[in-house]
Amino acid sequence: MKEFDLEGLSREMPYKMPEHFMDDMTNRVMSQIAGQRKQRKERKIVALFASAASVAAVALLFLHPFGTSGLNIPDYESISQCASVDELIQNMTAEDLGVYSMMSNYYGN
């Protein structure tokens, strides 16, 4: 193992500091800390709004579930009583036709 000669090294500082570098160090550090606190506070506010929006979305899903309960989609009995498919389609509203179209596209009919 190679030994280092520490006695031969110079005792001078390898860098130089600007003359008034330490004069306003406290003010600079405190301003950076204040900026970080402000950023943390803003992140907390954003997180609070995001969690509130998430809770509202979940509550909306539970209070108003998706489904066809409010739509007037004919059931099997009313379909079987129709003389033809044309008669059934003529009796459906535009909203019912849209739901039927989406369902038939989904099931591949």
Protein backbone atom coordinates (compact mmCIF):
# COMPACT_ATOMS: atom_id res chain seq x y z
CA MET A 1 0.00 0.00 0.00
CA LYS A 2 1.30 3.41 -0.94
CA GLU A 3 1.74 5.93 1.87
CA PHE A 4 0.91 9.60 1.42
CA ASP A 5 3.20 12.38 2.51
CA LEU A 6 0.82 14.72 4.38
CA GLU A 7 3.64 16.89 5.66
CA GLY A 8 4.47 18.09 2.16
CA LEU A 9 0.97 19.48 1.49
CA SER A 10 0.40 23.20 1.63
CA ARG A 11 -1.81 24.66 4.36
CA GLU A 12 -3.54 27.18 2.10
CA MET A 13 -7.25 27.06 1.36
CA PRO A 14 -7.89 25.64 -2.10
CA TYR A 15 -10.68 28.16 -2.79
CA LYS A 16 -11.41 31.78 -2.06
CA MET A 17 -14.65 33.15 -0.68
CA PRO A 18 -16.08 36.49 -1.82
CA GLU A 19 -15.44 39.26 0.68
CA HIS A 20 -19.00 39.82 1.94
CA PHE A 21 -20.27 36.27 1.47
CA MET A 22 -21.05 35.63 5.13
CA ASP A 23 -22.53 39.08 5.83
CA ASP A 24 -26.02 38.34 4.56
CA MET A 25 -25.94 34.54 4.92
CA THR A 26 -28.60 34.53 7.64
CA ASN A 27 -31.01 36.58 5.53
CA ARG A 28 -30.54 34.33 2.50
CA VAL A 29 -31.07 31.14 4.51
CA MET A 30 -34.17 32.52 6.22
CA SER A 31 -35.68 33.63 2.89
CA GLN A 32 -35.11 30.15 1.43
CA ILE A 33 -36.74 28.54 4.48
CA ALA A 34 -39.74 30.87 4.13
CA GLY A 35 -40.05 29.92 0.46
CA GLN A 36 -39.95 26.22 1.31
CA ARG A 37 -42.63 26.67 3.97
CA LYS A 38 -44.82 28.46 1.45
CA GLN A 39 -44.36 25.64 -1.07
CA ARG A 40 -45.22 23.04 1.59
CA LYS A 41 -48.36 24.97 2.52
CA GLU A 42 -49.40 25.20 -1.16
CA ARG A 43 -48.85 21.43 -1.58
CA LYS A 44 -51.03 20.77 1.46
CA ILE A 45 -53.81 22.91 0.00
CA VAL A 46 -53.61 21.10 -3.35
CA ALA A 47 -53.65 17.73 -1.59
CA LEU A 48 -56.66 18.82 0.45
CA PHE A 49 -58.61 19.86 -2.66
CA ALA A 50 -57.62 16.65 -4.49
CA SER A 51 -58.79 14.47 -1.62
CA ALA A 52 -62.03 16.46 -1.31
CA ALA A 53 -62.67 15.99 -5.03
CA SER A 54 -62.00 12.25 -4.68
CA VAL A 55 -64.42 11.96 -1.78
CA ALA A 56 -67.04 13.91 -3.72
CA ALA A 57 -66.62 11.65 -6.75
CA VAL A 58 -67.02 8.49 -4.65
CA ALA A 59 -70.04 9.98 -2.88
CA LEU A 60 -71.57 10.84 -6.25
CA LEU A 61 -71.12 7.26 -7.43
CA PHE A 62 -72.82 5.88 -4.33
CA LEU A 63 -75.64 8.42 -4.27
CA HIS A 64 -76.35 8.31 -8.01
CA PRO A 65 -75.23 4.94 -9.36
CA PHE A 66 -75.00 4.40 -13.07
CA GLY A 67 -77.80 2.32 -14.44
CA THR A 68 -80.93 2.30 -16.46
CA SER A 69 -83.38 2.77 -13.60
CA GLY A 70 -84.47 6.20 -14.82
CA LEU A 71 -84.69 5.27 -18.50
CA ASN A 72 -87.71 3.81 -20.21
CA ILE A 73 -86.13 0.76 -21.82
CA PRO A 74 -88.69 -1.82 -22.85
CA ASP A 75 -88.44 -5.13 -21.07
CA TYR A 76 -88.88 -8.57 -22.59
CA GLU A 77 -92.66 -8.62 -22.13
CA SER A 78 -93.26 -5.34 -23.94
CA ILE A 79 -90.89 -6.41 -26.72
CA SER A 80 -92.70 -9.73 -27.18
CA GLN A 81 -96.05 -7.91 -27.41
CA CYS A 82 -94.89 -5.79 -30.32
CA ALA A 83 -95.85 -6.92 -33.79
CA SER A 84 -92.47 -6.03 -35.26
CA VAL A 85 -89.13 -4.49 -34.47
CA ASP A 86 -90.14 -1.41 -36.46
CA GLU A 87 -93.09 -0.84 -34.13
CA LEU A 88 -90.83 -1.19 -31.10
CA ILE A 89 -88.30 1.31 -32.45
CA GLN A 90 -91.02 3.79 -33.37
CA ASN A 91 -92.32 3.73 -29.78
CA MET A 92 -88.86 4.41 -28.26
CA THR A 93 -87.71 7.92 -27.40
CA ALA A 94 -84.46 9.34 -28.74
CA GLU A 95 -82.76 8.78 -25.37
CA ASP A 96 -83.93 5.15 -25.28
CA LEU A 97 -82.64 4.63 -28.81
CA GLY A 98 -79.25 6.00 -27.79
CA VAL A 99 -79.05 3.62 -24.84
CA TYR A 100 -80.19 0.71 -27.00
CA SER A 101 -77.59 1.60 -29.60
CA MET A 102 -74.82 1.72 -27.00
CA MET A 103 -75.94 -1.58 -25.49
CA SER A 104 -76.17 -3.32 -28.85
CA ASN A 105 -72.71 -2.09 -29.79
CA TYR A 106 -71.34 -3.30 -26.48
CA TYR A 107 -72.85 -6.77 -26.76
CA GLY A 108 -72.08 -7.02 -30.45
CA ASN A 109 -75.69 -7.44 -31.62
